[in-house]
Amino acid sequence: MDFSNIRRGSTVLLHSSFSRIHREHRWRPEQFIEKLFERLGGEGTLLLPLFNFDFPKGVAFDIRTTPSQMGALTEAGRLWPGAVRTGHPIYSFAVIGAKADLFSGVDNQSGYGDDSPFALLRQMDGDIAVLDLPDLHSMTFYHHVEEMLEVDYRFHKEFTGAYTGWDGVQREKTYSIFVRDLGRGVLTSVDRMGELLWDKGLYRGDRPKQASGLRVVSAAALYDEVASVIRDGKAREYLYDVE
């Protein structure tokens, strides 16, 4: 497994499909994380998405126990000794490593907002790594840029439900997501944006299911490129479609 495109000492958000790597290397998720930290080193930090979409359906969230719906690797991250979990009940993250404490207590009201882990990652000059997934099923960061620029094909939608915090007390809390406008028939369609990143040399590494299947992009460079697309009036060409 080639991790050479991961920068030593960096902060990395990893989206993943682990099945092919598991078949080829017979690694358990915990072994993969250990291998990744051999590359990141002692100064490195890893974010894993613990996204769970039950809260908007009325299912209670418990920050101590609600599992990730993003696969085995992310669940291993959630259960990792010393892992920090951020507070949004739909878009939460497990954070492991040197700078994990910077994410402790993060309880962003909006999933992709300016106080979210996406924004912190950009401010920290972090990277986004994707293992064996297309952009459509991985690059949630695009929605962070869309929210920061308040695009007109999405809007803020609030969800209220039962939320249990680290103190074990259940309360009613309200969070929001910058959702696509279904009334206008908006569909997320970002794979063309991914091809643009390859064309511009912003992605480094391998395409999904090829060789390592691992590609990496700077969060700051990605933000600037997506923001440029939106400001140039090309969002429908690269980020969404209408059915």
C-alpha atoms as a PDB file:
ATOM      1  CA  MET A   1       0.000   0.000   0.000  1.00  0.00           C
ATOM      2  CA  ASP A   2       1.543   3.261  -1.149  1.00  0.00           C
ATOM      3  CA  PHE A   3       1.008   6.154   1.273  1.00  0.00           C
ATOM      4  CA  SER A   4       3.686   8.356  -0.305  1.00  0.00           C
ATOM      5  CA  ASN A   5       1.186  11.064  -1.285  1.00  0.00           C
ATOM      6  CA  ILE A   6       0.311  11.574   2.369  1.00  0.00           C
ATOM      7  CA  ARG A   7       2.456  14.373   3.777  1.00  0.00           C
ATOM      8  CA  ARG A   8       4.362  13.555   6.961  1.00  0.00           C
ATOM      9  CA  GLY A   9       3.056  15.493   9.933  1.00  0.00           C
ATOM     10  CA  SER A  10      -0.053  16.644   8.070  1.00  0.00           C
ATOM     11  CA  THR A  11      -3.700  16.735   9.126  1.00  0.00           C
ATOM     12  CA  VAL A  12      -5.716  14.461   6.826  1.00  0.00           C
ATOM     13  CA  LEU A  13      -9.426  13.851   6.407  1.00  0.00           C
ATOM     14  CA  LEU A  14      -9.876  10.353   4.948  1.00  0.00           C
ATOM     15  CA  HIS A  15     -12.989   9.157   3.097  1.00  0.00           C
ATOM     16  CA  SER A  16     -12.791   5.460   2.344  1.00  0.00           C
ATOM     17  CA  SER A  17     -14.102   2.259   0.864  1.00  0.00           C
ATOM     18  CA  PHE A  18     -12.081  -0.397   2.634  1.00  0.00           C
ATOM     19  CA  SER A  19     -13.290  -3.620   0.977  1.00  0.00           C
ATOM     20  CA  ARG A  20     -10.696  -3.944  -1.838  1.00  0.00           C
ATOM     21  CA  ILE A  21      -7.776  -3.086   0.442  1.00  0.00           C
ATOM     22  CA  HIS A  22      -9.012  -5.620   2.961  1.00  0.00           C
ATOM     23  CA  ARG A  23      -9.207  -8.325   0.262  1.00  0.00           C
ATOM     24  CA  GLU A  24      -5.758  -7.586  -1.140  1.00  0.00           C
ATOM     25  CA  HIS A  25      -3.809  -7.020   2.092  1.00  0.00           C
ATOM     26  CA  ARG A  26      -5.949  -8.876   4.638  1.00  0.00           C
ATOM     27  CA  TRP A  27      -5.559  -5.895   6.954  1.00  0.00           C
ATOM     28  CA  ARG A  28      -8.069  -5.175   9.661  1.00  0.00           C
ATOM     29  CA  PRO A  29      -9.252  -1.545   9.819  1.00  0.00           C
ATOM     30  CA  GLU A  30      -7.080  -0.953  12.891  1.00  0.00           C
ATOM     31  CA  GLN A  31      -4.015  -2.189  10.995  1.00  0.00           C
ATOM     32  CA  PHE A  32      -4.740   0.208   8.134  1.00  0.00           C
ATOM     33  CA  ILE A  33      -4.893   3.134  10.578  1.00  0.00           C
ATOM     34  CA  GLU A  34      -1.605   2.029  12.147  1.00  0.00           C
ATOM     35  CA  LYS A  35       0.021   1.832   8.684  1.00  0.00           C
ATOM     36  CA  LEU A  36      -1.283   5.282   7.838  1.00  0.00           C
ATOM     37  CA  PHE A  37       0.196   6.698  11.041  1.00  0.00           C
ATOM     38  CA  GLU A  38       3.552   5.155  10.185  1.00  0.00           C
ATOM     39  CA  ARG A  39       3.491   7.581   7.252  1.00  0.00           C
ATOM     40  CA  LEU A  40       1.920  10.549   9.096  1.00  0.00           C
ATOM     41  CA  GLY A  41       4.330  10.236  11.991  1.00  0.00           C
ATOM     42  CA  GLY A  42       3.925  11.473  15.535  1.00  0.00           C
ATOM     43  CA  GLU A  43       2.943  14.988  14.425  1.00  0.00           C
ATOM     44  CA  GLY A  44       0.182  13.755  12.123  1.00  0.00           C
ATOM     45  CA  THR A  45      -3.562  13.940  12.671  1.00  0.00           C
ATOM     46  CA  LEU A  46      -6.315  11.858  11.087  1.00  0.00           C
ATOM     47  CA  LEU A  47      -9.995  12.757  10.698  1.00  0.00           C
ATOM     48  CA  LEU A  48     -12.518  10.051   9.857  1.00  0.00           C
ATOM     49  CA  PRO A  49     -16.151  10.856   8.981  1.00  0.00           C
ATOM     50  CA  LEU A  50     -18.715   9.343  11.351  1.00  0.00           C
ATOM     51  CA  PHE A  51     -21.678  10.512   9.299  1.00  0.00           C
ATOM     52  CA  ASN A  52     -24.997   9.084  10.454  1.00  0.00           C
ATOM     53  CA  PHE A  53     -28.231  10.130   8.752  1.00  0.00           C
ATOM     54  CA  ASP A  54     -30.747   8.847  11.317  1.00  0.00           C
ATOM     55  CA  PHE A  55     -31.125  12.084  13.329  1.00  0.00           C
ATOM     56  CA  PRO A  56     -33.269  13.802  10.642  1.00  0.00           C
ATOM     57  CA  LYS A  57     -35.522  10.687  10.720  1.00  0.00           C
ATOM     58  CA  GLY A  58     -36.265  11.196  14.414  1.00  0.00           C
ATOM     59  CA  VAL A  59     -33.731   8.712  15.809  1.00  0.00           C
ATOM     60  CA  ALA A  60     -32.029   9.897  19.008  1.00  0.00           C
ATOM     61  CA  PHE A  61     -28.294  10.669  18.799  1.00  0.00           C
ATOM     62  CA  ASP A  62     -25.809   9.752  21.517  1.00  0.00           C
ATOM     63  CA  ILE A  63     -22.337  11.147  21.008  1.00  0.00           C
ATOM     64  CA  ARG A  64     -20.921   8.316  23.122  1.00  0.00           C
ATOM     65  CA  THR A  65     -22.446   5.414  21.188  1.00  0.00           C
ATOM     66  CA  THR A  66     -24.104   6.346  17.882  1.00  0.00           C
ATOM     67  CA  PRO A  67     -22.151   4.437  15.218  1.00  0.00           C
ATOM     68  CA  SER A  68     -20.771   5.703  11.950  1.00  0.00           C
ATOM     69  CA  GLN A  69     -22.583   4.775   8.738  1.00  0.00           C
ATOM     70  CA  MET A  70     -19.403   5.338   6.712  1.00  0.00           C
ATOM     71  CA  GLY A  71     -17.879   1.874   6.982  1.00  0.00           C
ATOM     72  CA  ALA A  72     -15.560  -0.290   9.047  1.00  0.00           C
ATOM     73  CA  LEU A  73     -12.553   1.996   8.892  1.00  0.00           C
ATOM     74  CA  THR A  74     -14.493   4.911  10.350  1.00  0.00           C
ATOM     75  CA  GLU A  75     -15.984   2.775  13.115  1.00  0.00           C
ATOM     76  CA  ALA A  76     -12.463   1.703  14.050  1.00  0.00           C
ATOM     77  CA  GLY A  77     -11.634   5.404  14.254  1.00  0.00           C
ATOM     78  CA  ARG A  78     -14.632   6.130  16.478  1.00  0.00           C
ATOM     79  CA  LEU A  79     -13.515   3.420  18.904  1.00  0.00           C
ATOM     80  CA  TRP A  80      -9.811   4.313  18.725  1.00  0.00           C
ATOM     81  CA  PRO A  81      -8.324   4.984  22.192  1.00  0.00           C
ATOM     82  CA  GLY A  82      -8.148   8.727  22.764  1.00  0.00           C
ATOM     83  CA  ALA A  83     -10.170   9.635  19.671  1.00  0.00           C
ATOM     84  CA  VAL A  84     -12.018  12.944  19.824  1.00  0.00           C
ATOM     85  CA  ARG A  85     -15.564  13.078  18.429  1.00  0.00           C
ATOM     86  CA  THR A  86     -17.076  16.315  17.146  1.00  0.00           C
ATOM     87  CA  GLY A  87     -20.642  17.161  18.050  1.00  0.00           C
ATOM     88  CA  HIS A  88     -22.851  17.559  14.974  1.00  0.00           C
ATOM     89  CA  PRO A  89     -25.277  14.580  15.087  1.00  0.00           C
ATOM     90  CA  ILE A  90     -25.227  14.016  11.319  1.00  0.00           C
ATOM     91  CA  TYR A  91     -21.783  15.208  10.191  1.00  0.00           C
ATOM     92  CA  SER A  92     -19.514  14.274  13.100  1.00  0.00           C
ATOM     93  CA  PHE A  93     -15.877  13.173  12.900  1.00  0.00           C
ATOM     94  CA  ALA A  94     -13.433  11.045  14.844  1.00  0.00           C
ATOM     95  CA  VAL A  95     -10.084  12.796  15.215  1.00  0.00           C
ATOM     96  CA  ILE A  96      -6.919  10.905  16.151  1.00  0.00           C
ATOM     97  CA  GLY A  97      -3.361  12.100  16.622  1.00  0.00           C
ATOM     98  CA  ALA A  98      -1.278  15.132  17.486  1.00  0.00           C
ATOM     99  CA  LYS A  99      -3.883  17.873  16.913  1.00  0.00           C
ATOM    100  CA  ALA A 100      -6.982  15.976  17.953  1.00  0.00           C
ATOM    101  CA  ASP A 101      -7.463  18.256  20.961  1.00  0.00           C
ATOM    102  CA  LEU A 102      -8.108  21.195  18.606  1.00  0.00           C
ATOM    103  CA  PHE A 103     -11.359  19.442  17.655  1.00  0.00           C
ATOM    104  CA  SER A 104     -12.407  18.693  21.219  1.00  0.00           C
ATOM    105  CA  GLY A 105     -15.639  20.527  22.041  1.00  0.00           C
ATOM    106  CA  VAL A 106     -16.404  21.396  18.416  1.00  0.00           C
ATOM    107  CA  ASP A 107     -20.205  21.443  18.247  1.00  0.00           C
ATOM    108  CA  ASN A 108     -20.990  23.217  14.978  1.00  0.00           C
ATOM    109  CA  GLN A 109     -24.654  24.041  14.448  1.00  0.00           C
ATOM    110  CA  SER A 110     -24.449  23.736  10.653  1.00  0.00           C
ATOM    111  CA  GLY A 111     -22.892  20.599   9.209  1.00  0.00           C
ATOM    112  CA  TYR A 112     -20.688  22.384   6.667  1.00  0.00           C
ATOM    113  CA  GLY A 113     -20.477  25.794   8.365  1.00  0.00           C
ATOM    114  CA  ASP A 114     -17.593  28.145   9.100  1.00  0.00           C
ATOM    115  CA  ASP A 115     -17.066  26.554  12.533  1.00  0.00           C
ATOM    116  CA  SER A 116     -17.256  22.975  11.225  1.00  0.00           C
ATOM    117  CA  PRO A 117     -14.368  20.488  11.036  1.00  0.00           C
ATOM    118  CA  PHE A 118     -14.294  21.166   7.274  1.00  0.00           C
ATOM    119  CA  ALA A 119     -13.432  24.821   7.966  1.00  0.00           C
ATOM    120  CA  LEU A 120     -10.901  23.878  10.651  1.00  0.00           C
ATOM    121  CA  LEU A 121      -9.211  21.471   8.255  1.00  0.00           C
ATOM    122  CA  ARG A 122      -8.828  24.245   5.679  1.00  0.00           C
ATOM    123  CA  GLN A 123      -7.496  26.696   8.260  1.00  0.00           C
ATOM    124  CA  MET A 124      -4.950  24.091   9.382  1.00  0.00           C
ATOM    125  CA  ASP A 125      -3.670  23.629   5.796  1.00  0.00           C
ATOM    126  CA  GLY A 126      -4.884  20.056   5.916  1.00  0.00           C
ATOM    127  CA  ASP A 127      -5.449  17.544   3.151  1.00  0.00           C
ATOM    128  CA  ILE A 128      -8.378  15.424   2.029  1.00  0.00           C
ATOM    129  CA  ALA A 129      -7.586  11.820   1.087  1.00  0.00           C
ATOM    130  CA  VAL A 130     -10.016   9.492  -0.685  1.00  0.00           C
ATOM    131  CA  LEU A 131      -9.627   5.717  -0.869  1.00  0.00           C
ATOM    132  CA  ASP A 132     -11.426   3.875  -3.689  1.00  0.00           C
ATOM    133  CA  LEU A 133     -14.452   6.187  -3.841  1.00  0.00           C
ATOM    134  CA  PRO A 134     -15.683   8.492  -6.602  1.00  0.00           C
ATOM    135  CA  ASP A 135     -16.127  12.164  -5.811  1.00  0.00           C
ATOM    136  CA  LEU A 136     -19.904  11.743  -5.658  1.00  0.00           C
ATOM    137  CA  HIS A 137     -19.592   9.422  -2.676  1.00  0.00           C
ATOM    138  CA  SER A 138     -16.782  11.139  -0.846  1.00  0.00           C
ATOM    139  CA  MET A 139     -16.160  14.840  -1.387  1.00  0.00           C
ATOM    140  CA  THR A 140     -18.558  16.352   1.145  1.00  0.00           C
ATOM    141  CA  PHE A 141     -16.112  19.240   1.342  1.00  0.00           C
ATOM    142  CA  TYR A 142     -17.684  20.640  -1.840  1.00  0.00           C
ATOM    143  CA  HIS A 143     -20.792  21.436   0.221  1.00  0.00           C
ATOM    144  CA  HIS A 144     -18.663  23.368   2.722  1.00  0.00           C
ATOM    145  CA  VAL A 145     -17.574  25.665  -0.118  1.00  0.00           C
ATOM    146  CA  GLU A 146     -21.152  25.937  -1.371  1.00  0.00           C
ATOM    147  CA  GLU A 147     -22.317  26.975   2.071  1.00  0.00           C
ATOM    148  CA  MET A 148     -19.540  29.506   2.538  1.00  0.00           C
ATOM    149  CA  LEU A 149     -20.557  31.122  -0.762  1.00  0.00           C
ATOM    150  CA  GLU A 150     -24.307  30.756  -0.021  1.00  0.00           C
ATOM    151  CA  VAL A 151     -25.169  29.237  -3.415  1.00  0.00           C
ATOM    152  CA  ASP A 152     -28.822  29.645  -4.406  1.00  0.00           C
ATOM    153  CA  TYR A 153     -29.463  25.967  -5.243  1.00  0.00           C
ATOM    154  CA  ARG A 154     -29.124  24.943  -1.582  1.00  0.00           C
ATOM    155  CA  PHE A 155     -30.683  26.287   1.609  1.00  0.00           C
ATOM    156  CA  HIS A 156     -30.367  25.913   5.375  1.00  0.00           C
ATOM    157  CA  LYS A 157     -32.695  23.296   6.845  1.00  0.00           C
ATOM    158  CA  GLU A 158     -33.006  22.666  10.583  1.00  0.00           C
ATOM    159  CA  PHE A 159     -33.491  19.316  12.324  1.00  0.00           C
ATOM    160  CA  THR A 160     -34.521  18.999  15.973  1.00  0.00           C
ATOM    161  CA  GLY A 161     -34.256  15.815  17.999  1.00  0.00           C
ATOM    162  CA  ALA A 162     -33.114  14.001  21.132  1.00  0.00           C
ATOM    163  CA  TYR A 163     -29.363  14.410  21.719  1.00  0.00           C
ATOM    164  CA  THR A 164     -27.281  12.816  24.457  1.00  0.00           C
ATOM    165  CA  GLY A 165     -23.968  14.504  25.183  1.00  0.00           C
ATOM    166  CA  TRP A 166     -20.811  13.347  26.930  1.00  0.00           C
ATOM    167  CA  ASP A 167     -22.482  14.000  30.292  1.00  0.00           C
ATOM    168  CA  GLY A 168     -25.058  11.298  29.543  1.00  0.00           C
ATOM    169  CA  VAL A 169     -27.956  13.761  29.717  1.00  0.00           C
ATOM    170  CA  GLN A 170     -30.488  13.715  26.885  1.00  0.00           C
ATOM    171  CA  ARG A 171     -31.693  17.111  25.648  1.00  0.00           C
ATOM    172  CA  GLU A 172     -33.624  18.399  22.659  1.00  0.00           C
ATOM    173  CA  LYS A 173     -31.225  20.130  20.279  1.00  0.00           C
ATOM    174  CA  THR A 174     -31.449  21.707  16.842  1.00  0.00           C
ATOM    175  CA  TYR A 175     -28.842  21.453  14.101  1.00  0.00           C
ATOM    176  CA  SER A 176     -28.872  22.354  10.423  1.00  0.00           C
ATOM    177  CA  ILE A 177     -27.610  21.192   7.052  1.00  0.00           C
ATOM    178  CA  PHE A 178     -27.183  23.264   3.897  1.00  0.00           C
ATOM    179  CA  VAL A 179     -29.362  20.946   1.796  1.00  0.00           C
ATOM    180  CA  ARG A 180     -29.989  20.890  -1.941  1.00  0.00           C
ATOM    181  CA  ASP A 181     -33.212  22.435  -3.199  1.00  0.00           C
ATOM    182  CA  LEU A 182     -35.343  19.401  -4.052  1.00  0.00           C
ATOM    183  CA  GLY A 183     -38.181  21.677  -5.150  1.00  0.00           C
ATOM    184  CA  ARG A 184     -35.985  22.781  -8.031  1.00  0.00           C
ATOM    185  CA  GLY A 185     -34.947  19.195  -8.787  1.00  0.00           C
ATOM    186  CA  VAL A 186     -31.331  19.799  -7.756  1.00  0.00           C
ATOM    187  CA  LEU A 187     -29.102  16.711  -7.906  1.00  0.00           C
ATOM    188  CA  THR A 188     -25.563  16.532  -6.583  1.00  0.00           C
ATOM    189  CA  SER A 189     -23.314  15.884  -9.581  1.00  0.00           C
ATOM    190  CA  VAL A 190     -19.655  16.437  -8.707  1.00  0.00           C
ATOM    191  CA  ASP A 191     -17.676  13.833 -10.646  1.00  0.00           C
ATOM    192  CA  ARG A 192     -16.980  16.451 -13.347  1.00  0.00           C
ATOM    193  CA  MET A 193     -15.444  18.615 -10.615  1.00  0.00           C
ATOM    194  CA  GLY A 194     -13.216  15.684  -9.744  1.00  0.00           C
ATOM    195  CA  GLU A 195     -12.031  15.433 -13.349  1.00  0.00           C
ATOM    196  CA  LEU A 196     -11.226  19.141 -13.268  1.00  0.00           C
ATOM    197  CA  LEU A 197      -9.065  18.565 -10.186  1.00  0.00           C
ATOM    198  CA  TRP A 198      -7.187  15.793 -12.001  1.00  0.00           C
ATOM    199  CA  ASP A 199      -6.756  18.008 -15.101  1.00  0.00           C
ATOM    200  CA  LYS A 200      -5.321  20.830 -12.992  1.00  0.00           C
ATOM    201  CA  GLY A 201      -2.964  18.523 -11.109  1.00  0.00           C
ATOM    202  CA  LEU A 202      -4.593  19.209  -7.750  1.00  0.00           C
ATOM    203  CA  TYR A 203      -5.290  15.535  -7.110  1.00  0.00           C
ATOM    204  CA  ARG A 204      -2.147  13.514  -6.478  1.00  0.00           C
ATOM    205  CA  GLY A 205      -2.122   9.717  -6.316  1.00  0.00           C
ATOM    206  CA  ASP A 206      -4.258   7.024  -7.898  1.00  0.00           C
ATOM    207  CA  ARG A 207      -7.813   6.874  -9.178  1.00  0.00           C
ATOM    208  CA  PRO A 208     -10.391   4.669  -7.420  1.00  0.00           C
ATOM    209  CA  LYS A 209      -9.788   0.905  -7.790  1.00  0.00           C
ATOM    210  CA  GLN A 210      -6.428   1.523  -9.501  1.00  0.00           C
ATOM    211  CA  ALA A 211      -3.104   0.705  -7.776  1.00  0.00           C
ATOM    212  CA  SER A 212      -3.382   2.130  -4.228  1.00  0.00           C
ATOM    213  CA  GLY A 213      -6.753   3.741  -5.029  1.00  0.00           C
ATOM    214  CA  LEU A 214      -5.678   6.617  -2.793  1.00  0.00           C
ATOM    215  CA  ARG A 215      -5.743  10.244  -3.964  1.00  0.00           C
ATOM    216  CA  VAL A 216      -5.023  13.382  -1.966  1.00  0.00           C
ATOM    217  CA  VAL A 217      -5.834  17.072  -2.406  1.00  0.00           C
ATOM    218  CA  SER A 218      -5.041  20.149  -0.345  1.00  0.00           C
ATOM    219  CA  ALA A 219      -8.199  21.410   1.373  1.00  0.00           C
ATOM    220  CA  ALA A 220      -7.194  25.036   0.800  1.00  0.00           C
ATOM    221  CA  ALA A 221      -6.445  24.490  -2.897  1.00  0.00           C
ATOM    222  CA  LEU A 222      -9.681  22.555  -3.296  1.00  0.00           C
ATOM    223  CA  TYR A 223     -11.620  25.359  -1.620  1.00  0.00           C
ATOM    224  CA  ASP A 224     -10.122  27.966  -3.962  1.00  0.00           C
ATOM    225  CA  GLU A 225     -10.825  25.891  -7.079  1.00  0.00           C
ATOM    226  CA  VAL A 226     -14.448  25.148  -6.160  1.00  0.00           C
ATOM    227  CA  ALA A 227     -15.033  28.759  -5.124  1.00  0.00           C
ATOM    228  CA  SER A 228     -13.679  29.873  -8.492  1.00  0.00           C
ATOM    229  CA  VAL A 229     -16.091  27.556 -10.294  1.00  0.00           C
ATOM    230  CA  ILE A 230     -19.031  28.958  -8.329  1.00  0.00           C
ATOM    231  CA  ARG A 231     -18.000  32.600  -8.742  1.00  0.00           C
ATOM    232  CA  ASP A 232     -17.561  32.044 -12.496  1.00  0.00           C
ATOM    233  CA  GLY A 233     -21.171  30.843 -12.748  1.00  0.00           C
ATOM    234  CA  LYS A 234     -20.143  27.252 -13.592  1.00  0.00           C
ATOM    235  CA  ALA A 235     -21.627  25.436 -10.574  1.00  0.00           C
ATOM    236  CA  ARG A 236     -24.234  23.630 -12.664  1.00  0.00           C
ATOM    237  CA  GLU A 237     -21.492  22.473 -15.025  1.00  0.00           C
ATOM    238  CA  TYR A 238     -19.342  20.994 -12.260  1.00  0.00           C
ATOM    239  CA  LEU A 239     -21.268  20.648  -8.966  1.00  0.00           C
ATOM    240  CA  TYR A 240     -24.945  19.959  -9.553  1.00  0.00           C
ATOM    241  CA  ASP A 241     -27.541  19.083 -12.135  1.00  0.00           C
ATOM    242  CA  VAL A 242     -31.312  19.502 -12.361  1.00  0.00           C
ATOM    243  CA  GLU A 243     -33.607  16.578 -13.061  1.00  0.00           C
END
